[in-house]
C-alpha atoms as a PDB file:
ATOM      1  CA  MET A   1      10.889  15.651   5.629  1.00  0.00           C
ATOM      2  CA  TYR A   2      12.427  12.175   5.871  1.00  0.00           C
ATOM      3  CA  LEU A   3       9.372   9.893   5.999  1.00  0.00           C
ATOM      4  CA  SER A   4       5.717  10.040   4.987  1.00  0.00           C
ATOM      5  CA  VAL A   5       3.291   7.304   6.032  1.00  0.00           C
ATOM      6  CA  ILE A   6       0.101   7.183   3.955  1.00  0.00           C
ATOM      7  CA  ILE A   7      -3.002   5.308   5.137  1.00  0.00           C
ATOM      8  CA  PRO A   8      -5.993   4.898   2.796  1.00  0.00           C
ATOM      9  CA  ALA A   9      -9.259   4.637   4.732  1.00  0.00           C
ATOM     10  CA  TYR A  10     -12.799   3.670   3.788  1.00  0.00           C
ATOM     11  CA  ASN A  11     -15.262   3.187   6.649  1.00  0.00           C
ATOM     12  CA  GLU A  12     -12.468   2.647   9.166  1.00  0.00           C
ATOM     13  CA  GLU A  13     -13.808   4.474  12.226  1.00  0.00           C
ATOM     14  CA  LYS A  14     -13.337   1.373  14.405  1.00  0.00           C
ATOM     15  CA  ARG A  15      -9.887   0.146  13.349  1.00  0.00           C
ATOM     16  CA  LEU A  16      -8.158   3.385  12.436  1.00  0.00           C
ATOM     17  CA  PRO A  17      -7.673   4.898  15.933  1.00  0.00           C
ATOM     18  CA  LYS A  18      -5.665   1.918  17.193  1.00  0.00           C
ATOM     19  CA  THR A  19      -3.572   1.856  14.025  1.00  0.00           C
ATOM     20  CA  LEU A  20      -2.811   5.584  14.183  1.00  0.00           C
ATOM     21  CA  LYS A  21      -1.847   5.398  17.844  1.00  0.00           C
ATOM     22  CA  GLU A  22       0.532   2.498  17.214  1.00  0.00           C
ATOM     23  CA  ILE A  23       2.154   4.253  14.258  1.00  0.00           C
ATOM     24  CA  ASP A  24       2.464   7.473  16.255  1.00  0.00           C
ATOM     25  CA  LYS A  25       3.988   5.644  19.241  1.00  0.00           C
ATOM     26  CA  TYR A  26       6.656   4.083  17.004  1.00  0.00           C
ATOM     27  CA  LEU A  27       7.499   7.217  15.029  1.00  0.00           C
ATOM     28  CA  ARG A  28       7.775   9.413  18.129  1.00  0.00           C
ATOM     29  CA  GLN A  29      10.765   7.305  19.149  1.00  0.00           C
ATOM     30  CA  GLN A  30      12.649   7.945  15.902  1.00  0.00           C
ATOM     31  CA  ASN A  31      15.120  10.750  15.283  1.00  0.00           C
ATOM     32  CA  TYR A  32      13.845  11.850  11.883  1.00  0.00           C
ATOM     33  CA  GLU A  33      11.109  14.198  10.691  1.00  0.00           C
ATOM     34  CA  TYR A  34       7.918  12.487   9.579  1.00  0.00           C
ATOM     35  CA  GLU A  35       4.254  12.951   8.712  1.00  0.00           C
ATOM     36  CA  ILE A  36       1.202  10.677   8.871  1.00  0.00           C
ATOM     37  CA  ILE A  37      -1.395  11.174   6.140  1.00  0.00           C
ATOM     38  CA  VAL A  38      -4.847   9.586   6.239  1.00  0.00           C
ATOM     39  CA  VAL A  39      -6.660   9.707   2.910  1.00  0.00           C
ATOM     40  CA  ASN A  40     -10.378   9.292   3.494  1.00  0.00           C
ATOM     41  CA  ASP A  41     -12.010   7.632   0.492  1.00  0.00           C
ATOM     42  CA  GLY A  42     -15.511   9.050   0.855  1.00  0.00           C
ATOM     43  CA  SER A  43     -16.325   7.037   3.979  1.00  0.00           C
ATOM     44  CA  LYS A  44     -19.966   6.762   4.989  1.00  0.00           C
ATOM     45  CA  ASP A  45     -19.156   6.360   8.679  1.00  0.00           C
ATOM     46  CA  ARG A  46     -17.305   8.697  11.093  1.00  0.00           C
ATOM     47  CA  THR A  47     -13.804   8.098   9.716  1.00  0.00           C
ATOM     48  CA  SER A  48     -13.110  11.774   9.013  1.00  0.00           C
ATOM     49  CA  GLU A  49     -14.466  12.881  12.406  1.00  0.00           C
ATOM     50  CA  VAL A  50     -12.336  10.262  14.180  1.00  0.00           C
ATOM     51  CA  VAL A  51      -9.183  11.499  12.451  1.00  0.00           C
ATOM     52  CA  GLU A  52      -9.972  15.123  13.306  1.00  0.00           C
ATOM     53  CA  CYS A  53     -10.454  14.184  16.959  1.00  0.00           C
ATOM     54  CA  LEU A  54      -7.077  12.424  17.037  1.00  0.00           C
ATOM     55  CA  LYS A  55      -5.091  15.332  15.592  1.00  0.00           C
ATOM     56  CA  PRO A  56      -4.415  17.037  18.966  1.00  0.00           C
ATOM     57  CA  ASP A  57      -2.879  13.838  20.344  1.00  0.00           C
ATOM     58  CA  ILE A  58      -1.069  12.436  17.312  1.00  0.00           C
ATOM     59  CA  LYS A  59       1.953  14.349  16.138  1.00  0.00           C
ATOM     60  CA  HIS A  60       2.167  15.407  12.476  1.00  0.00           C
ATOM     61  CA  LEU A  61      -1.186  13.857  11.531  1.00  0.00           C
ATOM     62  CA  ARG A  62      -3.092  15.317   8.627  1.00  0.00           C
ATOM     63  CA  MET A  63      -5.960  14.186   6.407  1.00  0.00           C
ATOM     64  CA  ILE A  64      -7.033  14.406   2.802  1.00  0.00           C
ATOM     65  CA  ASP A  65     -10.810  14.189   3.068  1.00  0.00           C
ATOM     66  CA  ASN A  66     -12.513  13.024  -0.127  1.00  0.00           C
ATOM     67  CA  LYS A  67     -16.264  13.423   0.010  1.00  0.00           C
ATOM     68  CA  ILE A  68     -16.942  10.722  -2.595  1.00  0.00           C
ATOM     69  CA  ASN A  69     -15.477   7.257  -3.026  1.00  0.00           C
ATOM     70  CA  HIS A  70     -12.807   6.915  -5.728  1.00  0.00           C
ATOM     71  CA  GLY A  71     -11.120   3.607  -4.917  1.00  0.00           C
ATOM     72  CA  LYS A  72      -8.060   2.555  -2.942  1.00  0.00           C
ATOM     73  CA  GLY A  73      -5.699   2.997  -5.873  1.00  0.00           C
ATOM     74  CA  PHE A  74      -6.875   6.561  -6.433  1.00  0.00           C
ATOM     75  CA  VAL A  75      -6.475   7.660  -2.808  1.00  0.00           C
ATOM     76  CA  ILE A  76      -3.086   5.992  -2.369  1.00  0.00           C
ATOM     77  CA  ARG A  77      -1.904   7.820  -5.485  1.00  0.00           C
ATOM     78  CA  GLN A  78      -3.374  11.040  -4.092  1.00  0.00           C
ATOM     79  CA  GLY A  79      -1.618  10.620  -0.749  1.00  0.00           C
ATOM     80  CA  MET A  80       1.736   9.557  -2.181  1.00  0.00           C
ATOM     81  CA  LEU A  81       1.890  12.561  -4.512  1.00  0.00           C
ATOM     82  CA  ASP A  82       0.779  14.972  -1.797  1.00  0.00           C
ATOM     83  CA  ALA A  83       3.403  13.646   0.649  1.00  0.00           C
ATOM     84  CA  LYS A  84       6.637  15.514   1.295  1.00  0.00           C
ATOM     85  CA  GLY A  85       8.884  12.722   2.568  1.00  0.00           C
ATOM     86  CA  GLU A  86      12.134  11.591   1.010  1.00  0.00           C
ATOM     87  CA  TYR A  87      10.707   8.110   1.582  1.00  0.00           C
ATOM     88  CA  ARG A  88       6.973   7.428   1.279  1.00  0.00           C
ATOM     89  CA  VAL A  89       5.288   4.330   2.651  1.00  0.00           C
ATOM     90  CA  PHE A  90       1.671   3.306   2.344  1.00  0.00           C
ATOM     91  CA  THR A  91       0.129   0.831   4.756  1.00  0.00           C
ATOM     92  CA  ASP A  92      -3.329  -0.541   5.521  1.00  0.00           C
ATOM     93  CA  ALA A  93      -5.749   0.883   8.066  1.00  0.00           C
ATOM     94  CA  ASP A  94      -6.123  -2.538   9.706  1.00  0.00           C
ATOM     95  CA  ASN A  95      -2.419  -2.490  10.688  1.00  0.00           C
ATOM     96  CA  SER A  96      -1.938  -6.016   9.300  1.00  0.00           C
ATOM     97  CA  THR A  97       1.745  -5.164   8.785  1.00  0.00           C
ATOM     98  CA  SER A  98       3.243  -3.332  11.751  1.00  0.00           C
ATOM     99  CA  ILE A  99       5.009  -0.025  11.201  1.00  0.00           C
ATOM    100  CA  CYS A 100       8.056  -1.510  12.941  1.00  0.00           C
ATOM    101  CA  HIS A 101       8.875  -3.181   9.603  1.00  0.00           C
ATOM    102  CA  LEU A 102      10.394   0.182   8.695  1.00  0.00           C
ATOM    103  CA  GLU A 103      13.459  -1.175  10.496  1.00  0.00           C
ATOM    104  CA  LYS A 104      13.837  -3.663   7.626  1.00  0.00           C
ATOM    105  CA  MET A 105      12.689  -1.316   4.886  1.00  0.00           C
ATOM    106  CA  LEU A 106      14.710   1.869   5.379  1.00  0.00           C
ATOM    107  CA  PRO A 107      18.149   0.148   5.270  1.00  0.00           C
ATOM    108  CA  GLU A 108      17.257  -1.259   1.836  1.00  0.00           C
ATOM    109  CA  PHE A 109      16.763   2.271   0.530  1.00  0.00           C
ATOM    110  CA  GLU A 110      20.230   3.110   1.833  1.00  0.00           C
ATOM    111  CA  LYS A 111      21.561   0.182  -0.224  1.00  0.00           C
ATOM    112  CA  GLY A 112      20.202   1.775  -3.390  1.00  0.00           C
ATOM    113  CA  TYR A 113      16.771   0.228  -3.858  1.00  0.00           C
ATOM    114  CA  ASP A 114      14.081   2.592  -5.135  1.00  0.00           C
ATOM    115  CA  ILE A 115      11.087   0.528  -4.020  1.00  0.00           C
ATOM    116  CA  VAL A 116      10.845  -1.813  -1.029  1.00  0.00           C
ATOM    117  CA  ILE A 117       7.723  -3.942  -0.625  1.00  0.00           C
ATOM    118  CA  GLY A 118       6.489  -6.218   2.112  1.00  0.00           C
ATOM    119  CA  SER A 119       6.067  -9.865   1.170  1.00  0.00           C
ATOM    120  CA  ARG A 120       4.148 -12.722   2.757  1.00  0.00           C
ATOM    121  CA  ASP A 121       5.613 -15.267   0.346  1.00  0.00           C
ATOM    122  CA  ILE A 122       9.386 -15.064   0.743  1.00  0.00           C
ATOM    123  CA  LYS A 123      11.580 -16.819   3.289  1.00  0.00           C
ATOM    124  CA  GLY A 124      11.215 -15.341   6.755  1.00  0.00           C
ATOM    125  CA  ALA A 125       7.620 -14.142   6.356  1.00  0.00           C
ATOM    126  CA  VAL A 126       5.061 -15.107   9.011  1.00  0.00           C
ATOM    127  CA  LEU A 127       1.260 -15.241   8.618  1.00  0.00           C
ATOM    128  CA  ASP A 128      -0.512 -14.984  11.968  1.00  0.00           C
ATOM    129  CA  PRO A 129      -2.869 -16.774  11.910  1.00  0.00           C
ATOM    130  CA  PRO A 130      -2.347 -18.635   8.617  1.00  0.00           C
ATOM    131  CA  GLN A 131      -4.827 -17.854   5.870  1.00  0.00           C
ATOM    132  CA  LEU A 132      -7.729 -20.214   5.296  1.00  0.00           C
ATOM    133  CA  ILE A 133      -6.999 -22.639   2.485  1.00  0.00           C
ATOM    134  CA  HIS A 134      -9.509 -21.139   0.029  1.00  0.00           C
ATOM    135  CA  ARG A 135      -8.054 -17.639   0.563  1.00  0.00           C
ATOM    136  CA  ARG A 136      -4.559 -19.009   0.064  1.00  0.00           C
ATOM    137  CA  ILE A 137      -5.562 -20.731  -3.186  1.00  0.00           C
ATOM    138  CA  LEU A 138      -7.208 -17.542  -4.483  1.00  0.00           C
ATOM    139  CA  GLY A 139      -4.045 -15.622  -3.630  1.00  0.00           C
ATOM    140  CA  ASP A 140      -1.823 -18.121  -5.448  1.00  0.00           C
ATOM    141  CA  VAL A 141      -4.069 -18.040  -8.522  1.00  0.00           C
ATOM    142  CA  PHE A 142      -4.078 -14.247  -8.566  1.00  0.00           C
ATOM    143  CA  ARG A 143      -0.281 -14.139  -8.235  1.00  0.00           C
ATOM    144  CA  LEU A 144       0.137 -16.494 -11.191  1.00  0.00           C
ATOM    145  CA  LEU A 145      -2.328 -14.488 -13.293  1.00  0.00           C
ATOM    146  CA  THR A 146      -0.504 -11.285 -12.390  1.00  0.00           C
ATOM    147  CA  GLN A 147       2.835 -12.772 -13.400  1.00  0.00           C
ATOM    148  CA  ILE A 148       1.474 -14.109 -16.698  1.00  0.00           C
ATOM    149  CA  ILE A 149      -0.569 -11.058 -17.699  1.00  0.00           C
ATOM    150  CA  CYS A 150       1.674  -8.298 -16.344  1.00  0.00           C
ATOM    151  CA  GLY A 151       5.114  -9.905 -16.450  1.00  0.00           C
ATOM    152  CA  THR A 152       5.897  -9.486 -12.736  1.00  0.00           C
ATOM    153  CA  TRP A 153       7.741 -12.817 -12.543  1.00  0.00           C
ATOM    154  CA  ARG A 154      10.380 -11.652 -10.092  1.00  0.00           C
ATOM    155  CA  ILE A 155       7.804 -10.472  -7.537  1.00  0.00           C
ATOM    156  CA  LEU A 156       6.265 -13.123  -5.290  1.00  0.00           C
ATOM    157  CA  ASP A 157       3.746 -10.946  -3.428  1.00  0.00           C
ATOM    158  CA  SER A 158       2.277  -7.987  -5.274  1.00  0.00           C
ATOM    159  CA  GLN A 159      -0.670  -7.536  -2.905  1.00  0.00           C
ATOM    160  CA  CYS A 160       0.824  -6.956   0.539  1.00  0.00           C
ATOM    161  CA  GLY A 161      -0.378  -3.530   1.647  1.00  0.00           C
ATOM    162  CA  PHE A 162       2.997  -2.317   2.928  1.00  0.00           C
ATOM    163  CA  LYS A 163       5.074  -0.646   0.231  1.00  0.00           C
ATOM    164  CA  GLY A 164       7.726   2.057   0.283  1.00  0.00           C
ATOM    165  CA  PHE A 165       9.081   4.351  -2.441  1.00  0.00           C
ATOM    166  CA  THR A 166      11.705   7.026  -2.750  1.00  0.00           C
ATOM    167  CA  ALA A 167      10.385  10.484  -3.600  1.00  0.00           C
ATOM    168  CA  LYS A 168      11.957  10.178  -7.062  1.00  0.00           C
ATOM    169  CA  ALA A 169      10.286   6.831  -7.779  1.00  0.00           C
ATOM    170  CA  THR A 170       6.953   8.151  -6.493  1.00  0.00           C
ATOM    171  CA  GLU A 171       7.023  11.196  -8.727  1.00  0.00           C
ATOM    172  CA  HIS A 172       7.852   9.134 -11.822  1.00  0.00           C
ATOM    173  CA  ILE A 173       5.500   6.184 -11.224  1.00  0.00           C
ATOM    174  CA  PHE A 174       2.278   7.406  -9.638  1.00  0.00           C
ATOM    175  CA  PRO A 175       1.300  10.128 -12.164  1.00  0.00           C
ATOM    176  CA  LYS A 176       1.242   7.391 -14.832  1.00  0.00           C
ATOM    177  CA  CYS A 177      -1.129   5.102 -12.904  1.00  0.00           C
ATOM    178  CA  LYS A 178      -4.626   4.589 -14.298  1.00  0.00           C
ATOM    179  CA  ILE A 179      -6.145   1.841 -12.120  1.00  0.00           C
ATOM    180  CA  ASN A 180      -8.204   3.378  -9.319  1.00  0.00           C
ATOM    181  CA  ARG A 181      -9.479   0.310  -7.573  1.00  0.00           C
ATOM    182  CA  PHE A 182      -8.608  -3.355  -7.418  1.00  0.00           C
ATOM    183  CA  ALA A 183      -5.347  -4.064  -9.256  1.00  0.00           C
ATOM    184  CA  PHE A 184      -3.495  -0.848  -8.461  1.00  0.00           C
ATOM    185  CA  ASP A 185      -0.648  -2.752  -6.772  1.00  0.00           C
ATOM    186  CA  PRO A 186       0.328  -4.766  -9.874  1.00  0.00           C
ATOM    187  CA  GLU A 187       0.069  -1.610 -11.986  1.00  0.00           C
ATOM    188  CA  ILE A 188       2.493   0.211  -9.692  1.00  0.00           C
ATOM    189  CA  LEU A 189       4.959  -2.678  -9.937  1.00  0.00           C
ATOM    190  CA  VAL A 190       4.590  -2.954 -13.723  1.00  0.00           C
ATOM    191  CA  LEU A 191       5.410   0.745 -14.064  1.00  0.00           C
ATOM    192  CA  SER A 192       8.304   0.402 -11.610  1.00  0.00           C
ATOM    193  CA  GLN A 193       9.848  -2.321 -13.751  1.00  0.00           C
ATOM    194  CA  LYS A 194       9.131  -0.462 -16.984  1.00  0.00           C
ATOM    195  CA  LEU A 195      10.870   2.668 -15.683  1.00  0.00           C
ATOM    196  CA  GLY A 196      13.893   0.707 -14.485  1.00  0.00           C
ATOM    197  CA  PHE A 197      13.529   1.200 -10.724  1.00  0.00           C
ATOM    198  CA  LYS A 198      15.109  -1.350  -8.394  1.00  0.00           C
ATOM    199  CA  ILE A 199      12.613  -3.351  -6.319  1.00  0.00           C
ATOM    200  CA  LYS A 200      13.327  -5.286  -3.117  1.00  0.00           C
ATOM    201  CA  GLU A 201      10.946  -7.642  -1.299  1.00  0.00           C
ATOM    202  CA  ILE A 202      11.291  -7.962   2.467  1.00  0.00           C
ATOM    203  CA  PRO A 203       9.599 -10.595   4.666  1.00  0.00           C
ATOM    204  CA  VAL A 204       6.868  -9.353   6.992  1.00  0.00           C
ATOM    205  CA  VAL A 205       4.870 -10.620   9.915  1.00  0.00           C
ATOM    206  CA  TRP A 206       1.334 -10.317   8.596  1.00  0.00           C
ATOM    207  CA  LYS A 207      -1.681 -10.284  10.891  1.00  0.00           C
ATOM    208  CA  ASN A 208      -4.587 -11.981   9.147  1.00  0.00           C
ATOM    209  CA  ASP A 209      -7.657  -9.804   9.723  1.00  0.00           C
ATOM    210  CA  THR A 210     -10.890 -11.798   9.590  1.00  0.00           C
ATOM    211  CA  GLU A 211     -12.749  -8.554   8.705  1.00  0.00           C
ATOM    212  CA  SER A 212     -10.783  -8.093   5.489  1.00  0.00           C
ATOM    213  CA  LYS A 213     -12.846  -6.420   2.770  1.00  0.00           C
ATOM    214  CA  VAL A 214     -11.271  -8.466  -0.059  1.00  0.00           C
ATOM    215  CA  LYS A 215     -13.978 -10.902  -1.231  1.00  0.00           C
ATOM    216  CA  PHE A 216     -14.271 -13.344  -4.143  1.00  0.00           C
ATOM    217  CA  LYS A 217     -16.181 -10.740  -6.172  1.00  0.00           C
ATOM    218  CA  SER A 218     -13.283  -8.347  -5.649  1.00  0.00           C
ATOM    219  CA  MET A 219     -10.860 -10.988  -6.939  1.00  0.00           C
ATOM    220  CA  LEU A 220     -12.860 -11.201 -10.165  1.00  0.00           C
ATOM    221  CA  LYS A 221     -12.702  -7.439 -10.559  1.00  0.00           C
ATOM    222  CA  MET A 222      -8.970  -7.564  -9.899  1.00  0.00           C
ATOM    223  CA  GLY A 223      -8.667 -10.026 -12.787  1.00  0.00           C
ATOM    224  CA  LEU A 224     -10.465  -7.614 -15.093  1.00  0.00           C
ATOM    225  CA  ASP A 225      -8.152  -4.830 -13.978  1.00  0.00           C
ATOM    226  CA  LEU A 226      -5.147  -7.025 -14.817  1.00  0.00           C
ATOM    227  CA  LEU A 227      -6.467  -7.265 -18.367  1.00  0.00           C
ATOM    228  CA  LYS A 228      -6.803  -3.474 -18.447  1.00  0.00           C
ATOM    229  CA  ILE A 229      -3.155  -3.173 -17.384  1.00  0.00           C
ATOM    230  CA  ARG A 230      -2.116  -5.551 -20.171  1.00  0.00           C
ATOM    231  CA  TRP A 231      -4.154  -3.542 -22.675  1.00  0.00           C
ATOM    232  CA  ASN A 232      -2.544  -0.328 -21.455  1.00  0.00           C
ATOM    233  CA  ILE A 233       0.876  -1.905 -22.017  1.00  0.00           C
ATOM    234  CA  ILE A 234      -0.034  -3.070 -25.519  1.00  0.00           C
ATOM    235  CA  THR A 235      -1.517   0.292 -26.500  1.00  0.00           C
ATOM    236  CA  GLN A 236       1.440   2.169 -24.946  1.00  0.00           C
ATOM    237  CA  LYS A 237      -0.767   4.199 -22.596  1.00  0.00           C
ATOM    238  CA  TYR A 238       2.000   4.135 -20.018  1.00  0.00           C
ATOM    239  CA  ASP A 239       4.533   5.711 -22.384  1.00  0.00           C
END
């Protein structure tokens, strides 16, 4: 298995079918073996039924169907560790970053990088449409807090939901993760740095979804999770 694509999903019955069809259309044109894994995070809508209905039409689609909600970090960890691919990529159900960015990502693995992450903040990135000013300010504040609290100074965008890992990096990093919900991305990157894996940011074209579930309350909870990560570092819980 060359590639695994993992999609966490919570109440995504409306957006998920289009995303899965676009990913399937792209991957069918490639000459490598792949799988698509949807991890249902205890959705209260018809997400699991929608995925089951799509299986006959979408090649190599499978689902991990959690009956209760655990959090995005938990289900991404679950999917990444269950995957079989030499390279494992997780992406959002809203398809804000197109799967065609694999064309930028996979060559970086060939160059020796262990982790390749999409970035909206490096040269060449495009936000379509641009974020509203208050969302942009919140994002900048969260990035600075992440860098100060977690030491991720070399990473400009920790939150873009398009990240790829080698199988080796996945199997060393994800079993150590402890954050199940809001700040799982910074935790993954902190562990990646701590374990000495090479990280590369690539610019992405990011579609700004006005239905995004990330609200101000969530940002506050992310801040608390950052403090938990710092405490875990201090108390050597990641060792």
